[in-house]
């Protein structure tokens, strides 16, 4: 945070977040409304700190071992 108490990172619009994540704007709104991504509301619009997007990506990463569990004996 800066001396004025304002976060030092850049704020992104919903459209910018959607473009960065390659998802629709509606998906970003759902993530914001479900509190999966932190956002700040200014009037009728939202702004998302870049750090919140980075945090979401880090916490949502799928481990390859989780994605491809070992097969049981006899499975093809």
C-alpha atoms as a PDB file:
ATOM      1  CA  UNK A   1       0.000   0.000   0.000  1.00  0.00           C
ATOM      2  CA  UNK A   2       1.092   3.510  -0.643  1.00  0.00           C
ATOM      3  CA  UNK A   3       1.310   6.221   1.979  1.00  0.00           C
ATOM      4  CA  UNK A   4      -2.293   7.266   1.237  1.00  0.00           C
ATOM      5  CA  UNK A   5      -3.549   3.722   1.940  1.00  0.00           C
ATOM      6  CA  UNK A   6      -4.269   3.022  -1.722  1.00  0.00           C
ATOM      7  CA  UNK A   7      -3.151  -0.382  -3.017  1.00  0.00           C
ATOM      8  CA  UNK A   8      -0.076  -0.113  -5.219  1.00  0.00           C
ATOM      9  CA  UNK A   9      -1.246  -2.535  -7.885  1.00  0.00           C
ATOM     10  CA  UNK A  10      -3.219  -1.667 -10.995  1.00  0.00           C
ATOM     11  CA  UNK A  11      -6.993  -2.076 -11.164  1.00  0.00           C
ATOM     12  CA  UNK A  12      -8.511  -3.918 -14.119  1.00  0.00           C
ATOM     13  CA  UNK A  13     -11.991  -3.723 -15.594  1.00  0.00           C
ATOM     14  CA  UNK A  14     -14.170  -6.817 -15.867  1.00  0.00           C
ATOM     15  CA  UNK A  15     -13.507  -6.843 -19.628  1.00  0.00           C
ATOM     16  CA  UNK A  16      -9.730  -6.708 -19.066  1.00  0.00           C
ATOM     17  CA  UNK A  17      -9.900  -9.596 -16.587  1.00  0.00           C
ATOM     18  CA  UNK A  18     -12.020 -11.615 -19.023  1.00  0.00           C
ATOM     19  CA  UNK A  19      -9.535 -10.985 -21.812  1.00  0.00           C
ATOM     20  CA  UNK A  20      -6.561 -11.889 -19.598  1.00  0.00           C
ATOM     21  CA  UNK A  21      -8.197 -15.155 -18.449  1.00  0.00           C
ATOM     22  CA  UNK A  22      -9.706 -15.850 -21.889  1.00  0.00           C
ATOM     23  CA  UNK A  23     -13.210 -16.272 -20.477  1.00  0.00           C
ATOM     24  CA  UNK A  24     -16.435 -14.341 -20.946  1.00  0.00           C
ATOM     25  CA  UNK A  25     -17.315 -11.228 -18.970  1.00  0.00           C
ATOM     26  CA  UNK A  26     -20.238 -13.160 -17.439  1.00  0.00           C
ATOM     27  CA  UNK A  27     -17.780 -15.727 -16.076  1.00  0.00           C
ATOM     28  CA  UNK A  28     -15.782 -12.948 -14.417  1.00  0.00           C
ATOM     29  CA  UNK A  29     -18.974 -11.477 -12.918  1.00  0.00           C
ATOM     30  CA  UNK A  30     -19.805 -14.934 -11.520  1.00  0.00           C
ATOM     31  CA  UNK A  31     -16.320 -15.237 -10.014  1.00  0.00           C
ATOM     32  CA  UNK A  32     -16.672 -11.794  -8.423  1.00  0.00           C
ATOM     33  CA  UNK A  33     -20.175 -12.481  -7.085  1.00  0.00           C
ATOM     34  CA  UNK A  34     -19.084 -15.841  -5.635  1.00  0.00           C
ATOM     35  CA  UNK A  35     -16.093 -14.097  -3.994  1.00  0.00           C
ATOM     36  CA  UNK A  36     -13.601 -16.269  -5.902  1.00  0.00           C
ATOM     37  CA  UNK A  37     -11.968 -13.056  -7.148  1.00  0.00           C
ATOM     38  CA  UNK A  38     -11.803  -9.958  -4.954  1.00  0.00           C
ATOM     39  CA  UNK A  39     -13.195  -6.815  -6.573  1.00  0.00           C
ATOM     40  CA  UNK A  40     -13.997  -3.251  -5.565  1.00  0.00           C
ATOM     41  CA  UNK A  41     -17.263  -1.661  -6.607  1.00  0.00           C
ATOM     42  CA  UNK A  42     -17.307   1.921  -7.836  1.00  0.00           C
ATOM     43  CA  UNK A  43     -20.894   2.989  -8.428  1.00  0.00           C
ATOM     44  CA  UNK A  44     -22.293   0.435 -10.853  1.00  0.00           C
ATOM     45  CA  UNK A  45     -18.966  -0.964 -12.049  1.00  0.00           C
ATOM     46  CA  UNK A  46     -16.330  -3.273 -10.600  1.00  0.00           C
ATOM     47  CA  UNK A  47     -12.563  -2.963 -10.608  1.00  0.00           C
ATOM     48  CA  UNK A  48     -10.335  -5.943  -9.907  1.00  0.00           C
ATOM     49  CA  UNK A  49      -6.804  -5.545  -8.535  1.00  0.00           C
ATOM     50  CA  UNK A  50      -4.182  -7.348 -10.635  1.00  0.00           C
ATOM     51  CA  UNK A  51      -3.003  -9.084  -7.478  1.00  0.00           C
ATOM     52  CA  UNK A  52      -6.482 -10.612  -7.042  1.00  0.00           C
ATOM     53  CA  UNK A  53      -6.332 -12.091 -10.542  1.00  0.00           C
ATOM     54  CA  UNK A  54      -2.831 -13.474  -9.893  1.00  0.00           C
ATOM     55  CA  UNK A  55      -3.995 -14.941  -6.574  1.00  0.00           C
ATOM     56  CA  UNK A  56      -7.008 -16.570  -8.247  1.00  0.00           C
ATOM     57  CA  UNK A  57      -4.779 -18.170 -10.864  1.00  0.00           C
ATOM     58  CA  UNK A  58      -2.358 -19.489  -8.230  1.00  0.00           C
ATOM     59  CA  UNK A  59      -5.142 -20.985  -6.102  1.00  0.00           C
ATOM     60  CA  UNK A  60      -7.020 -22.429  -9.080  1.00  0.00           C
ATOM     61  CA  UNK A  61      -4.076 -24.179 -10.708  1.00  0.00           C
ATOM     62  CA  UNK A  62      -4.713 -27.874 -11.194  1.00  0.00           C
ATOM     63  CA  UNK A  63      -1.930 -30.229 -10.232  1.00  0.00           C
ATOM     64  CA  UNK A  64      -1.155 -32.719 -13.003  1.00  0.00           C
ATOM     65  CA  UNK A  65      -1.380 -35.587 -10.493  1.00  0.00           C
ATOM     66  CA  UNK A  66      -4.923 -34.494  -9.580  1.00  0.00           C
ATOM     67  CA  UNK A  67      -5.879 -34.230 -13.220  1.00  0.00           C
ATOM     68  CA  UNK A  68      -4.599 -37.718 -14.173  1.00  0.00           C
ATOM     69  CA  UNK A  69      -4.967 -40.041 -11.159  1.00  0.00           C
ATOM     70  CA  UNK A  70      -3.223 -43.423 -11.407  1.00  0.00           C
ATOM     71  CA  UNK A  71      -5.406 -46.126 -12.914  1.00  0.00           C
ATOM     72  CA  UNK A  72      -6.476 -49.089 -10.836  1.00  0.00           C
ATOM     73  CA  UNK A  73      -5.259 -52.550 -11.804  1.00  0.00           C
ATOM     74  CA  UNK A  74      -7.174 -53.871 -14.789  1.00  0.00           C
ATOM     75  CA  UNK A  75      -8.336 -50.429 -16.061  1.00  0.00           C
ATOM     76  CA  UNK A  76      -7.444 -49.408 -19.582  1.00  0.00           C
END
